[in-house]
């Protein structure tokens, strides 16, 4: 059920041009806050908000990314939907983490891809690795995004809603051509198996669980 307050926040986020995934994350952050205190979020005061973030840090041991998305969503709600400019938002910020990225070796990559028995997903993951794509970018590739003559791939609506071109190696192009012949979808390179009019979903457990199992 959508309350007037929730609807106002949704409309405010739409006016700001926030991505759908960002909107869902912000709404969920506010929902968790309200569930924690068992009352409407507009009834929560600044001290309760302070205690909530201490709870996330000290009791839940939430990661920096989790704390950040909660802060951004809750801050958006209170500042834009409610018009509350609390001092709390001026100093609370999860500390930056200086971690090196996880880089898989070639053998580890082969191990991951070797665990994917369905060609549809194996080719998709191979393209994501080969071309340095994010998961959603890879699953939403369209036939028209492939420039065979220039050996380029057009990546649409990447992080920040930005488009870009990435190099497409000859072997990867051959793999895409062979794979497309298995389904002949006029739009998607990786259509959903049960609903070909849509791209394969990033939440498909075959892709997520396989990767986590292979590298664990």
N, C-alpha and C. Protein backbone atom coordinates (compact mmCIF):
# COMPACT_ATOMS: atom_id res chain seq x y z
N UNK A 1 0.85 -1.20 0.00
CA UNK A 1 0.00 0.00 0.00
C UNK A 1 0.88 1.25 0.00
N UNK A 2 0.58 2.17 -0.93
CA UNK A 2 1.35 3.41 -1.04
C UNK A 2 0.65 4.52 -0.29
N UNK A 3 1.29 5.04 0.75
CA UNK A 3 0.75 6.14 1.52
C UNK A 3 1.04 7.46 0.82
N UNK A 4 0.33 8.54 1.15
CA UNK A 4 0.61 9.84 0.54
C UNK A 4 2.07 10.28 0.74
N UNK A 5 2.64 9.95 1.91
CA UNK A 5 4.02 10.33 2.20
C UNK A 5 4.99 9.57 1.31
N UNK A 6 4.74 8.27 1.14
CA UNK A 6 5.58 7.46 0.26
C UNK A 6 5.46 7.94 -1.18
N UNK A 7 4.24 8.26 -1.60
CA UNK A 7 4.02 8.72 -2.96
C UNK A 7 4.75 10.04 -3.21
N UNK A 8 4.74 10.92 -2.20
CA UNK A 8 5.45 12.21 -2.35
C UNK A 8 6.94 11.98 -2.52
N UNK A 9 7.51 11.05 -1.76
CA UNK A 9 8.93 10.76 -1.88
C UNK A 9 9.23 10.19 -3.26
N UNK A 10 8.38 9.31 -3.76
CA UNK A 10 8.56 8.75 -5.09
C UNK A 10 8.54 9.85 -6.15
N UNK A 11 7.59 10.74 -6.04
CA UNK A 11 7.49 11.84 -7.01
C UNK A 11 8.69 12.76 -6.93
N UNK A 12 9.17 13.03 -5.71
CA UNK A 12 10.36 13.88 -5.55
C UNK A 12 11.58 13.23 -6.19
N UNK A 13 11.70 11.93 -6.02
CA UNK A 13 12.84 11.22 -6.63
C UNK A 13 12.73 11.21 -8.14
N UNK A 14 11.52 11.08 -8.66
CA UNK A 14 11.32 11.11 -10.10
C UNK A 14 11.68 12.48 -10.66
N UNK A 15 11.31 13.54 -9.95
CA UNK A 15 11.63 14.89 -10.39
C UNK A 15 13.13 15.15 -10.38
N UNK A 16 13.83 14.49 -9.46
CA UNK A 16 15.29 14.64 -9.40
C UNK A 16 16.00 13.75 -10.41
N UNK A 17 15.24 12.89 -11.08
CA UNK A 17 15.81 12.04 -12.12
C UNK A 17 16.60 10.87 -11.58
N UNK A 18 16.28 10.39 -10.38
CA UNK A 18 17.00 9.26 -9.81
C UNK A 18 16.62 7.98 -10.54
N UNK A 19 17.60 7.10 -10.70
CA UNK A 19 17.38 5.83 -11.39
C UNK A 19 16.40 4.96 -10.60
N UNK A 20 15.72 4.05 -11.30
CA UNK A 20 14.73 3.19 -10.65
C UNK A 20 15.34 2.39 -9.50
N UNK A 21 16.54 1.85 -9.71
CA UNK A 21 17.18 1.06 -8.66
C UNK A 21 17.50 1.93 -7.44
N UNK A 22 17.91 3.17 -7.68
CA UNK A 22 18.20 4.09 -6.59
C UNK A 22 16.92 4.41 -5.82
N UNK A 23 15.84 4.63 -6.54
CA UNK A 23 14.56 4.90 -5.89
C UNK A 23 14.14 3.75 -4.97
N UNK A 24 14.28 2.53 -5.47
CA UNK A 24 13.90 1.36 -4.67
C UNK A 24 14.78 1.24 -3.42
N UNK A 25 16.07 1.52 -3.58
CA UNK A 25 16.99 1.44 -2.44
C UNK A 25 16.65 2.50 -1.39
N UNK A 26 16.34 3.71 -1.84
CA UNK A 26 15.99 4.78 -0.90
C UNK A 26 14.70 4.46 -0.16
N UNK A 27 13.71 3.95 -0.89
CA UNK A 27 12.44 3.60 -0.26
C UNK A 27 12.62 2.49 0.77
N UNK A 28 13.46 1.52 0.44
CA UNK A 28 13.69 0.41 1.36
C UNK A 28 14.42 0.89 2.61
N UNK A 29 15.32 1.86 2.46
CA UNK A 29 16.05 2.41 3.61
C UNK A 29 15.07 3.07 4.58
N UNK A 30 14.12 3.83 4.05
CA UNK A 30 13.13 4.49 4.90
C UNK A 30 12.20 3.46 5.52
N UNK A 31 11.85 2.42 4.75
CA UNK A 31 11.00 1.36 5.28
C UNK A 31 11.66 0.66 6.47
N UNK A 32 12.95 0.36 6.34
CA UNK A 32 13.66 -0.30 7.44
C UNK A 32 13.72 0.59 8.68
N UNK A 33 13.90 1.88 8.49
CA UNK A 33 13.91 2.82 9.62
C UNK A 33 12.57 2.82 10.33
N UNK A 34 11.48 2.89 9.56
CA UNK A 34 10.15 2.89 10.15
C UNK A 34 9.86 1.58 10.87
N UNK A 35 10.31 0.47 10.29
CA UNK A 35 10.08 -0.84 10.91
C UNK A 35 10.86 -0.97 12.21
N UNK A 36 12.06 -0.37 12.24
CA UNK A 36 12.89 -0.43 13.44
C UNK A 36 12.19 0.24 14.63
N UNK A 37 11.54 1.38 14.37
CA UNK A 37 10.88 2.11 15.45
C UNK A 37 9.38 1.81 15.54
N UNK A 38 8.88 1.02 14.60
CA UNK A 38 7.47 0.64 14.61
C UNK A 38 6.54 1.85 14.61
N UNK A 39 6.87 2.82 13.77
CA UNK A 39 5.99 3.98 13.62
C UNK A 39 6.29 4.68 12.30
N UNK A 40 5.43 5.55 11.90
CA UNK A 40 5.59 6.27 10.64
C UNK A 40 6.90 7.06 10.67
N UNK A 41 7.66 7.06 9.58
CA UNK A 41 8.96 7.73 9.59
C UNK A 41 8.89 9.24 9.86
N UNK A 42 7.76 9.87 9.54
CA UNK A 42 7.66 11.30 9.80
C UNK A 42 7.49 11.62 11.29
N UNK A 43 7.30 10.56 12.11
CA UNK A 43 7.19 10.74 13.56
C UNK A 43 8.54 10.52 14.27
N UNK A 44 9.57 10.20 13.51
CA UNK A 44 10.90 9.93 14.07
C UNK A 44 11.66 11.25 14.23
N UNK A 45 12.26 11.45 15.41
CA UNK A 45 12.99 12.70 15.64
C UNK A 45 14.48 12.54 15.38
N UNK A 46 15.20 13.62 15.51
CA UNK A 46 16.62 13.64 15.15
C UNK A 46 17.45 12.73 16.06
N UNK A 47 17.13 12.68 17.34
CA UNK A 47 17.88 11.83 18.26
C UNK A 47 17.64 10.36 17.94
N UNK A 48 16.41 10.01 17.60
CA UNK A 48 16.12 8.63 17.21
C UNK A 48 16.88 8.25 15.95
N UNK A 49 16.99 9.21 15.07
CA UNK A 49 17.75 8.96 13.84
C UNK A 49 19.23 8.73 14.17
N UNK A 50 19.75 9.51 15.07
CA UNK A 50 21.14 9.35 15.51
C UNK A 50 21.35 7.97 16.12
N UNK A 51 20.43 7.53 16.96
CA UNK A 51 20.54 6.21 17.59
C UNK A 51 20.41 5.09 16.58
N UNK A 52 19.63 5.32 15.52
CA UNK A 52 19.46 4.29 14.50
C UNK A 52 20.77 4.02 13.76
N UNK A 53 21.49 5.08 13.44
CA UNK A 53 22.75 4.89 12.72
C UNK A 53 23.83 4.32 13.64
N UNK A 54 23.74 4.62 14.92
CA UNK A 54 24.64 3.96 15.88
C UNK A 54 24.31 2.47 15.96
N UNK A 55 23.04 2.15 15.87
CA UNK A 55 22.60 0.74 15.86
C UNK A 55 23.14 0.02 14.63
N UNK A 56 23.07 0.66 13.47
CA UNK A 56 23.59 0.05 12.25
C UNK A 56 25.09 -0.22 12.37
N UNK A 57 25.79 0.73 12.96
CA UNK A 57 27.25 0.61 13.05
C UNK A 57 27.69 -0.35 14.15
N UNK A 58 27.13 -0.23 15.34
CA UNK A 58 27.63 -0.98 16.50
C UNK A 58 26.96 -2.33 16.71
N UNK A 59 25.69 -2.43 16.37
CA UNK A 59 24.96 -3.69 16.60
C UNK A 59 24.85 -4.54 15.33
N UNK A 60 24.48 -3.91 14.26
CA UNK A 60 24.34 -4.65 13.00
C UNK A 60 25.68 -4.84 12.29
N UNK A 61 26.66 -4.02 12.66
CA UNK A 61 27.97 -4.04 11.98
C UNK A 61 27.79 -3.96 10.47
N UNK A 62 26.94 -3.04 10.06
CA UNK A 62 26.63 -2.87 8.65
C UNK A 62 27.86 -2.36 7.90
N UNK A 63 27.99 -2.77 6.66
CA UNK A 63 29.12 -2.35 5.83
C UNK A 63 29.00 -0.87 5.49
N UNK A 64 30.10 -0.31 5.00
CA UNK A 64 30.08 1.10 4.63
C UNK A 64 29.05 1.37 3.54
N UNK A 65 28.97 0.48 2.56
CA UNK A 65 28.03 0.68 1.46
C UNK A 65 26.58 0.65 1.96
N UNK A 66 26.30 -0.25 2.92
CA UNK A 66 24.95 -0.33 3.48
C UNK A 66 24.61 0.94 4.25
N UNK A 67 25.55 1.41 5.05
CA UNK A 67 25.32 2.65 5.82
C UNK A 67 25.15 3.84 4.88
N UNK A 68 25.91 3.86 3.82
CA UNK A 68 25.85 4.98 2.88
C UNK A 68 24.50 5.04 2.18
N UNK A 69 24.02 3.90 1.68
CA UNK A 69 22.73 3.91 0.98
C UNK A 69 21.60 4.23 1.94
N UNK A 70 21.71 3.77 3.20
CA UNK A 70 20.71 4.13 4.20
C UNK A 70 20.73 5.63 4.49
N UNK A 71 21.92 6.18 4.61
CA UNK A 71 22.05 7.61 4.87
C UNK A 71 21.47 8.43 3.72
N UNK A 72 21.82 8.06 2.50
CA UNK A 72 21.34 8.82 1.33
C UNK A 72 19.82 8.77 1.22
N UNK A 73 19.25 7.56 1.40
CA UNK A 73 17.81 7.42 1.29
C UNK A 73 17.06 8.16 2.38
N UNK A 74 17.52 8.00 3.62
CA UNK A 74 16.85 8.65 4.75
C UNK A 74 17.03 10.17 4.69
N UNK A 75 18.22 10.60 4.30
CA UNK A 75 18.47 12.03 4.18
C UNK A 75 17.56 12.63 3.11
N UNK A 76 17.39 11.94 1.98
CA UNK A 76 16.52 12.44 0.92
C UNK A 76 15.09 12.57 1.45
N UNK A 77 14.65 11.56 2.19
CA UNK A 77 13.28 11.58 2.71
C UNK A 77 13.05 12.76 3.64
N UNK A 78 13.94 12.95 4.61
CA UNK A 78 13.72 14.00 5.60
C UNK A 78 13.93 15.40 5.01
N UNK A 79 14.91 15.55 4.12
CA UNK A 79 15.18 16.87 3.59
C UNK A 79 14.21 17.28 2.49
N UNK A 80 13.85 16.34 1.62
CA UNK A 80 13.01 16.71 0.47
C UNK A 80 11.53 16.44 0.72
N UNK A 81 11.19 15.27 1.24
CA UNK A 81 9.78 14.96 1.46
C UNK A 81 9.20 15.70 2.67
N UNK A 82 10.05 15.89 3.70
CA UNK A 82 9.57 16.53 4.93
C UNK A 82 10.11 17.95 5.14
N UNK A 83 11.16 18.30 4.41
CA UNK A 83 11.72 19.65 4.54
C UNK A 83 12.43 19.89 5.85
N UNK A 84 13.05 18.84 6.42
CA UNK A 84 13.76 18.97 7.69
C UNK A 84 15.26 19.03 7.46
N UNK A 85 15.87 20.16 7.74
CA UNK A 85 17.31 20.35 7.56
C UNK A 85 18.00 20.14 8.90
N UNK A 86 18.17 18.91 9.30
CA UNK A 86 18.76 18.59 10.59
C UNK A 86 20.29 18.63 10.53
N UNK A 87 20.90 19.10 11.62
CA UNK A 87 22.36 19.17 11.69
C UNK A 87 23.00 17.78 11.63
N UNK A 88 22.23 16.79 12.04
CA UNK A 88 22.73 15.41 12.04
C UNK A 88 23.30 15.02 10.68
N UNK A 89 22.66 15.46 9.62
CA UNK A 89 23.08 15.08 8.27
C UNK A 89 24.38 15.76 7.84
N UNK A 90 24.79 16.79 8.60
CA UNK A 90 25.99 17.53 8.22
C UNK A 90 27.28 16.81 8.60
N UNK A 91 27.22 15.94 9.61
CA UNK A 91 28.47 15.33 10.05
C UNK A 91 28.48 13.80 9.98
N UNK A 92 27.31 13.17 9.89
CA UNK A 92 27.31 11.71 9.83
C UNK A 92 27.73 11.27 8.42
N UNK A 93 28.73 10.45 8.38
CA UNK A 93 29.22 9.92 7.11
C UNK A 93 30.09 8.71 7.40
N UNK A 94 29.75 7.55 6.82
CA UNK A 94 30.59 6.37 7.03
C UNK A 94 32.02 6.63 6.57
N UNK A 95 33.03 6.21 7.35
CA UNK A 95 34.42 6.45 6.96
C UNK A 95 34.77 5.74 5.66
N UNK A 96 35.66 6.36 4.90
CA UNK A 96 36.08 5.75 3.64
C UNK A 96 36.94 4.53 3.90
N UNK A 97 36.74 3.54 3.06
CA UNK A 97 37.54 2.32 3.17
C UNK A 97 38.56 2.27 2.04
N UNK A 98 39.77 1.91 2.39
CA UNK A 98 40.82 1.81 1.39
C UNK A 98 41.13 0.33 1.16
N UNK A 99 40.33 -0.26 0.28
CA UNK A 99 40.50 -1.68 -0.01
C UNK A 99 40.89 -1.88 -1.46
N UNK A 100 41.75 -2.84 -1.68
CA UNK A 100 42.11 -3.17 -3.05
C UNK A 100 40.99 -4.00 -3.67
N UNK A 101 40.71 -3.79 -4.95
CA UNK A 101 39.66 -4.57 -5.60
C UNK A 101 40.08 -6.03 -5.75
N UNK A 102 39.09 -6.91 -5.77
CA UNK A 102 39.36 -8.33 -5.98
C UNK A 102 39.54 -8.57 -7.48
N UNK A 103 40.71 -9.02 -7.85
CA UNK A 103 41.00 -9.30 -9.26
C UNK A 103 41.25 -10.79 -9.43
N UNK A 104 40.40 -11.43 -10.19
CA UNK A 104 40.52 -12.87 -10.41
C UNK A 104 41.63 -13.17 -11.41
N UNK A 105 42.33 -14.26 -11.18
CA UNK A 105 43.32 -14.71 -12.15
C UNK A 105 42.60 -15.36 -13.32
N UNK A 106 43.32 -15.64 -14.39
CA UNK A 106 42.71 -16.28 -15.55
C UNK A 106 42.17 -17.65 -15.21
N UNK A 107 42.89 -18.37 -14.36
CA UNK A 107 42.42 -19.70 -13.97
C UNK A 107 41.13 -19.60 -13.14
N UNK A 108 41.05 -18.59 -12.29
CA UNK A 108 39.85 -18.41 -11.49
C UNK A 108 38.66 -18.04 -12.38
N UNK A 109 38.92 -17.20 -13.39
CA UNK A 109 37.86 -16.84 -14.33
C UNK A 109 37.37 -18.08 -15.08
N UNK A 110 38.32 -18.90 -15.54
CA UNK A 110 37.94 -20.14 -16.24
C UNK A 110 37.13 -21.05 -15.32
N UNK A 111 37.50 -21.06 -14.04
CA UNK A 111 36.77 -21.88 -13.08
C UNK A 111 35.33 -21.40 -12.91
N UNK A 112 35.18 -20.08 -12.84
CA UNK A 112 33.84 -19.51 -12.71
C UNK A 112 32.99 -19.86 -13.92
N UNK A 113 33.53 -19.58 -15.11
CA UNK A 113 32.76 -19.82 -16.33
C UNK A 113 32.52 -21.31 -16.55
N UNK A 114 33.44 -22.13 -16.08
CA UNK A 114 33.28 -23.57 -16.22
C UNK A 114 32.13 -24.13 -15.40
N UNK A 115 31.73 -23.38 -14.37
CA UNK A 115 30.60 -23.81 -13.53
C UNK A 115 29.26 -23.47 -14.16
N UNK A 116 29.27 -22.65 -15.19
CA UNK A 116 28.02 -22.23 -15.84
C UNK A 116 27.74 -23.19 -16.99
N UNK A 117 26.77 -24.05 -16.82
CA UNK A 117 26.51 -25.10 -17.80
C UNK A 117 25.56 -24.65 -18.91
N UNK A 118 24.74 -23.65 -18.65
CA UNK A 118 23.84 -23.15 -19.68
C UNK A 118 24.57 -22.12 -20.55
N UNK A 119 24.60 -22.34 -21.83
CA UNK A 119 25.34 -21.46 -22.74
C UNK A 119 24.86 -20.02 -22.65
N UNK A 120 23.57 -19.83 -22.50
CA UNK A 120 22.99 -18.49 -22.47
C UNK A 120 23.68 -17.63 -21.42
N UNK A 121 23.88 -18.18 -20.23
CA UNK A 121 24.48 -17.44 -19.14
C UNK A 121 26.00 -17.42 -19.25
N UNK A 122 26.57 -18.49 -19.77
CA UNK A 122 28.03 -18.54 -19.90
C UNK A 122 28.51 -17.47 -20.88
N UNK A 123 27.82 -17.34 -22.01
CA UNK A 123 28.21 -16.32 -22.99
C UNK A 123 28.02 -14.93 -22.41
N UNK A 124 26.92 -14.72 -21.70
CA UNK A 124 26.67 -13.41 -21.10
C UNK A 124 27.77 -13.03 -20.11
N UNK A 125 28.12 -13.95 -19.23
CA UNK A 125 29.17 -13.68 -18.25
C UNK A 125 30.53 -13.50 -18.92
N UNK A 126 30.76 -14.23 -20.00
CA UNK A 126 32.02 -14.07 -20.74
C UNK A 126 32.13 -12.67 -21.32
N UNK A 127 31.02 -12.15 -21.87
CA UNK A 127 31.02 -10.79 -22.42
C UNK A 127 31.25 -9.76 -21.33
N UNK A 128 30.63 -9.99 -20.18
CA UNK A 128 30.80 -9.06 -19.05
C UNK A 128 32.25 -8.99 -18.63
N UNK A 129 32.90 -10.16 -18.56
CA UNK A 129 34.31 -10.19 -18.16
C UNK A 129 35.21 -9.62 -19.25
N UNK A 130 35.00 -10.05 -20.48
CA UNK A 130 35.87 -9.65 -21.59
C UNK A 130 35.83 -8.15 -21.84
N UNK A 131 34.64 -7.55 -21.75
CA UNK A 131 34.47 -6.14 -22.09
C UNK A 131 34.43 -5.22 -20.87
N UNK A 132 34.60 -5.79 -19.67
CA UNK A 132 34.62 -4.96 -18.46
C UNK A 132 33.30 -4.29 -18.17
N UNK A 133 32.21 -5.04 -18.26
CA UNK A 133 30.88 -4.48 -18.05
C UNK A 133 30.39 -4.75 -16.64
N UNK A 134 29.45 -3.94 -16.20
CA UNK A 134 28.71 -4.25 -14.98
C UNK A 134 27.66 -5.30 -15.33
N UNK A 135 27.18 -6.00 -14.31
CA UNK A 135 26.25 -7.10 -14.55
C UNK A 135 25.03 -6.66 -15.34
N UNK A 136 24.40 -5.59 -14.91
CA UNK A 136 23.19 -5.12 -15.59
C UNK A 136 23.50 -4.63 -17.00
N UNK A 137 24.66 -4.04 -17.20
CA UNK A 137 25.03 -3.59 -18.54
C UNK A 137 25.13 -4.77 -19.50
N UNK A 138 25.68 -5.87 -19.00
CA UNK A 138 25.84 -7.04 -19.86
C UNK A 138 24.54 -7.71 -20.20
N UNK A 139 23.66 -7.84 -19.21
CA UNK A 139 22.40 -8.55 -19.44
C UNK A 139 21.45 -7.76 -20.34
N UNK A 140 21.64 -6.45 -20.44
CA UNK A 140 20.72 -5.61 -21.22
C UNK A 140 21.29 -5.20 -22.57
N UNK A 141 22.31 -5.89 -23.02
CA UNK A 141 22.87 -5.59 -24.34
C UNK A 141 21.85 -5.89 -25.43
N UNK A 142 21.79 -4.98 -26.42
CA UNK A 142 20.88 -5.16 -27.54
C UNK A 142 21.66 -5.45 -28.82
N UNK A 143 20.97 -6.03 -29.77
CA UNK A 143 21.60 -6.37 -31.05
C UNK A 143 22.18 -5.11 -31.71
N UNK A 144 21.44 -4.00 -31.63
CA UNK A 144 21.89 -2.76 -32.26
C UNK A 144 23.09 -2.13 -31.57
N UNK A 145 23.46 -2.64 -30.39
CA UNK A 145 24.60 -2.08 -29.67
C UNK A 145 25.94 -2.57 -30.21
N UNK A 146 25.91 -3.54 -31.10
CA UNK A 146 27.15 -4.12 -31.62
C UNK A 146 27.52 -3.47 -32.94
N UNK A 147 28.67 -2.84 -32.96
CA UNK A 147 29.22 -2.23 -34.19
C UNK A 147 30.31 -3.16 -34.71
N UNK A 148 29.92 -4.06 -35.61
CA UNK A 148 30.85 -5.08 -36.11
C UNK A 148 32.00 -4.48 -36.91
N UNK A 149 31.71 -3.44 -37.66
CA UNK A 149 32.74 -2.84 -38.51
C UNK A 149 33.86 -2.21 -37.69
N UNK A 150 33.49 -1.50 -36.65
CA UNK A 150 34.49 -0.81 -35.83
C UNK A 150 34.92 -1.61 -34.61
N UNK A 151 34.34 -2.80 -34.44
CA UNK A 151 34.67 -3.67 -33.29
C UNK A 151 34.44 -2.93 -31.97
N UNK A 152 33.24 -2.33 -31.86
CA UNK A 152 32.89 -1.59 -30.66
C UNK A 152 31.54 -2.07 -30.13
N UNK A 153 31.36 -1.90 -28.82
CA UNK A 153 30.09 -2.22 -28.18
C UNK A 153 29.56 -0.95 -27.52
N UNK A 154 28.32 -0.62 -27.81
CA UNK A 154 27.69 0.57 -27.23
C UNK A 154 27.01 0.18 -25.92
N UNK A 155 27.52 0.67 -24.81
CA UNK A 155 26.94 0.38 -23.50
C UNK A 155 26.02 1.52 -23.13
N UNK A 156 24.75 1.20 -22.94
CA UNK A 156 23.75 2.23 -22.67
C UNK A 156 23.42 2.35 -21.18
N UNK A 157 23.22 3.59 -20.76
CA UNK A 157 22.75 3.87 -19.39
C UNK A 157 23.60 3.14 -18.36
N UNK A 158 24.90 3.38 -18.39
CA UNK A 158 25.79 2.82 -17.39
C UNK A 158 25.65 3.59 -16.09
N UNK A 159 26.67 3.52 -15.24
CA UNK A 159 26.62 4.21 -13.96
C UNK A 159 26.45 5.71 -14.19
N UNK A 160 25.52 6.30 -13.47
CA UNK A 160 25.25 7.72 -13.64
C UNK A 160 24.43 8.03 -14.88
N UNK A 161 23.85 6.98 -15.50
CA UNK A 161 23.04 7.18 -16.70
C UNK A 161 23.84 7.53 -17.94
N UNK A 162 25.15 7.23 -17.92
CA UNK A 162 26.03 7.61 -19.03
C UNK A 162 26.22 6.46 -20.01
N UNK A 163 26.26 6.80 -21.31
CA UNK A 163 26.58 5.84 -22.35
C UNK A 163 28.08 5.85 -22.60
N UNK A 164 28.58 4.75 -23.14
CA UNK A 164 30.00 4.71 -23.52
C UNK A 164 30.20 3.60 -24.56
N UNK A 165 31.36 3.65 -25.23
CA UNK A 165 31.75 2.60 -26.15
C UNK A 165 32.93 1.84 -25.54
N UNK A 166 32.93 0.52 -25.72
CA UNK A 166 34.05 -0.29 -25.26
C UNK A 166 34.52 -1.17 -26.43
N UNK A 167 35.81 -1.48 -26.46
CA UNK A 167 36.33 -2.33 -27.54
C UNK A 167 35.71 -3.73 -27.49
N UNK A 168 35.49 -4.30 -28.65
CA UNK A 168 34.91 -5.64 -28.76
C UNK A 168 35.89 -6.53 -29.52
N UNK A 169 36.62 -7.39 -28.82
CA UNK A 169 37.60 -8.27 -29.48
C UNK A 169 36.93 -9.17 -30.53
N UNK A 170 37.70 -9.55 -31.53
CA UNK A 170 37.19 -10.38 -32.63
C UNK A 170 36.59 -11.69 -32.12
N UNK A 171 37.28 -12.33 -31.16
CA UNK A 171 36.78 -13.61 -30.65
C UNK A 171 35.45 -13.43 -29.92
N UNK A 172 35.31 -12.32 -29.21
CA UNK A 172 34.06 -12.04 -28.52
C UNK A 172 32.93 -11.79 -29.51
N UNK A 173 33.26 -11.10 -30.60
CA UNK A 173 32.26 -10.83 -31.64
C UNK A 173 31.79 -12.15 -32.27
N UNK A 174 32.72 -13.05 -32.54
CA UNK A 174 32.35 -14.35 -33.11
C UNK A 174 31.45 -15.13 -32.14
N UNK A 175 31.76 -15.05 -30.86
CA UNK A 175 30.96 -15.75 -29.87
C UNK A 175 29.54 -15.19 -29.83
N UNK A 176 29.41 -13.85 -29.90
CA UNK A 176 28.09 -13.23 -29.89
C UNK A 176 27.28 -13.63 -31.12
N UNK A 177 27.95 -13.66 -32.26
CA UNK A 177 27.25 -14.05 -33.49
C UNK A 177 26.73 -15.47 -33.40
N UNK A 178 27.57 -16.37 -32.93
CA UNK A 178 27.16 -17.78 -32.80
C UNK A 178 26.01 -17.92 -31.81
N UNK A 179 26.11 -17.17 -30.72
CA UNK A 179 25.06 -17.26 -29.70
C UNK A 179 23.74 -16.71 -30.22
N UNK A 180 23.79 -15.60 -30.95
CA UNK A 180 22.56 -14.99 -31.45
C UNK A 180 21.82 -15.95 -32.39
N UNK A 181 22.56 -16.77 -33.13
CA UNK A 181 21.94 -17.74 -34.04
C UNK A 181 21.11 -18.78 -33.29
N UNK A 182 21.32 -18.91 -31.98
CA UNK A 182 20.57 -19.91 -31.21
C UNK A 182 19.18 -19.41 -30.82
N UNK A 183 18.95 -18.07 -30.91
CA UNK A 183 17.64 -17.56 -30.51
C UNK A 183 17.04 -16.55 -31.49
N UNK A 184 17.86 -15.87 -32.32
CA UNK A 184 17.40 -14.93 -33.33
C UNK A 184 16.48 -13.83 -32.76
N UNK A 185 16.70 -13.43 -31.53
CA UNK A 185 15.89 -12.38 -30.95
C UNK A 185 16.20 -11.06 -31.66
N UNK A 186 15.19 -10.31 -32.12
CA UNK A 186 15.45 -9.09 -32.88
C UNK A 186 15.95 -7.91 -32.04
N UNK A 187 15.83 -8.03 -30.72
CA UNK A 187 16.20 -6.90 -29.85
C UNK A 187 17.35 -7.26 -28.92
N UNK A 188 17.18 -8.30 -28.11
CA UNK A 188 18.12 -8.59 -27.03
C UNK A 188 19.14 -9.64 -27.42
N UNK A 189 20.39 -9.40 -27.01
CA UNK A 189 21.42 -10.42 -27.20
C UNK A 189 21.26 -11.55 -26.20
N UNK A 190 20.74 -11.22 -25.02
CA UNK A 190 20.51 -12.23 -23.98
C UNK A 190 19.08 -12.11 -23.46
N UNK A 191 18.11 -12.57 -24.25
CA UNK A 191 16.71 -12.48 -23.84
C UNK A 191 16.38 -13.44 -22.71
N UNK A 192 15.39 -13.08 -21.93
CA UNK A 192 14.93 -13.98 -20.87
C UNK A 192 14.34 -15.23 -21.53
N UNK A 193 14.64 -16.38 -20.98
CA UNK A 193 14.21 -17.63 -21.61
C UNK A 193 12.69 -17.79 -21.62
N UNK A 194 12.04 -17.38 -20.55
CA UNK A 194 10.60 -17.55 -20.47
C UNK A 194 9.82 -16.36 -21.01
N UNK A 195 10.51 -15.22 -21.17
CA UNK A 195 9.86 -14.01 -21.68
C UNK A 195 10.84 -13.31 -22.63
N UNK A 196 10.93 -13.80 -23.87
CA UNK A 196 11.93 -13.29 -24.82
C UNK A 196 11.83 -11.80 -25.13
N UNK A 197 10.70 -11.18 -24.81
CA UNK A 197 10.57 -9.75 -25.06
C UNK A 197 11.34 -8.91 -24.06
N UNK A 198 11.84 -9.56 -23.00
CA UNK A 198 12.60 -8.88 -21.95
C UNK A 198 14.02 -9.46 -21.88
N UNK A 199 14.99 -8.66 -21.38
CA UNK A 199 16.35 -9.19 -21.21
C UNK A 199 16.41 -10.11 -20.00
N UNK A 200 17.41 -10.96 -19.96
CA UNK A 200 17.58 -11.84 -18.81
C UNK A 200 17.79 -10.97 -17.56
N UNK A 201 17.19 -11.38 -16.43
CA UNK A 201 17.25 -10.55 -15.23
C UNK A 201 18.55 -10.71 -14.48
N UNK A 202 19.05 -9.61 -13.89
CA UNK A 202 20.31 -9.67 -13.14
C UNK A 202 20.14 -10.42 -11.84
N UNK A 203 18.90 -10.60 -11.38
CA UNK A 203 18.69 -11.29 -10.12
C UNK A 203 18.54 -12.79 -10.31
N UNK A 204 18.79 -13.27 -11.53
CA UNK A 204 18.64 -14.70 -11.77
C UNK A 204 19.67 -15.46 -10.95
N UNK A 205 19.22 -16.39 -10.15
CA UNK A 205 20.08 -17.08 -9.20
C UNK A 205 21.16 -17.91 -9.89
N UNK A 206 20.92 -18.35 -11.12
CA UNK A 206 21.93 -19.14 -11.83
C UNK A 206 23.22 -18.35 -11.95
N UNK A 207 23.10 -17.05 -12.23
CA UNK A 207 24.28 -16.22 -12.44
C UNK A 207 24.94 -15.86 -11.11
N UNK A 208 24.15 -15.44 -10.14
CA UNK A 208 24.73 -14.99 -8.88
C UNK A 208 25.32 -16.14 -8.07
N UNK A 209 24.54 -17.20 -7.90
CA UNK A 209 25.01 -18.32 -7.07
C UNK A 209 26.21 -19.01 -7.69
N UNK A 210 26.22 -19.14 -9.00
CA UNK A 210 27.32 -19.81 -9.68
C UNK A 210 28.63 -19.07 -9.46
N UNK A 211 28.59 -17.74 -9.60
CA UNK A 211 29.81 -16.95 -9.40
C UNK A 211 30.30 -17.06 -7.96
N UNK A 212 29.39 -16.91 -7.00
CA UNK A 212 29.79 -16.95 -5.60
C UNK A 212 30.34 -18.32 -5.22
N UNK A 213 29.75 -19.38 -5.77
CA UNK A 213 30.21 -20.73 -5.48
C UNK A 213 31.59 -20.97 -6.06
N UNK A 214 31.79 -20.50 -7.26
CA UNK A 214 33.04 -20.78 -7.97
C UNK A 214 34.25 -20.09 -7.32
N UNK A 215 34.05 -18.89 -6.76
CA UNK A 215 35.19 -18.15 -6.22
C UNK A 215 35.34 -18.33 -4.71
N UNK A 216 34.42 -19.09 -4.10
CA UNK A 216 34.51 -19.27 -2.64
C UNK A 216 35.52 -20.34 -2.29
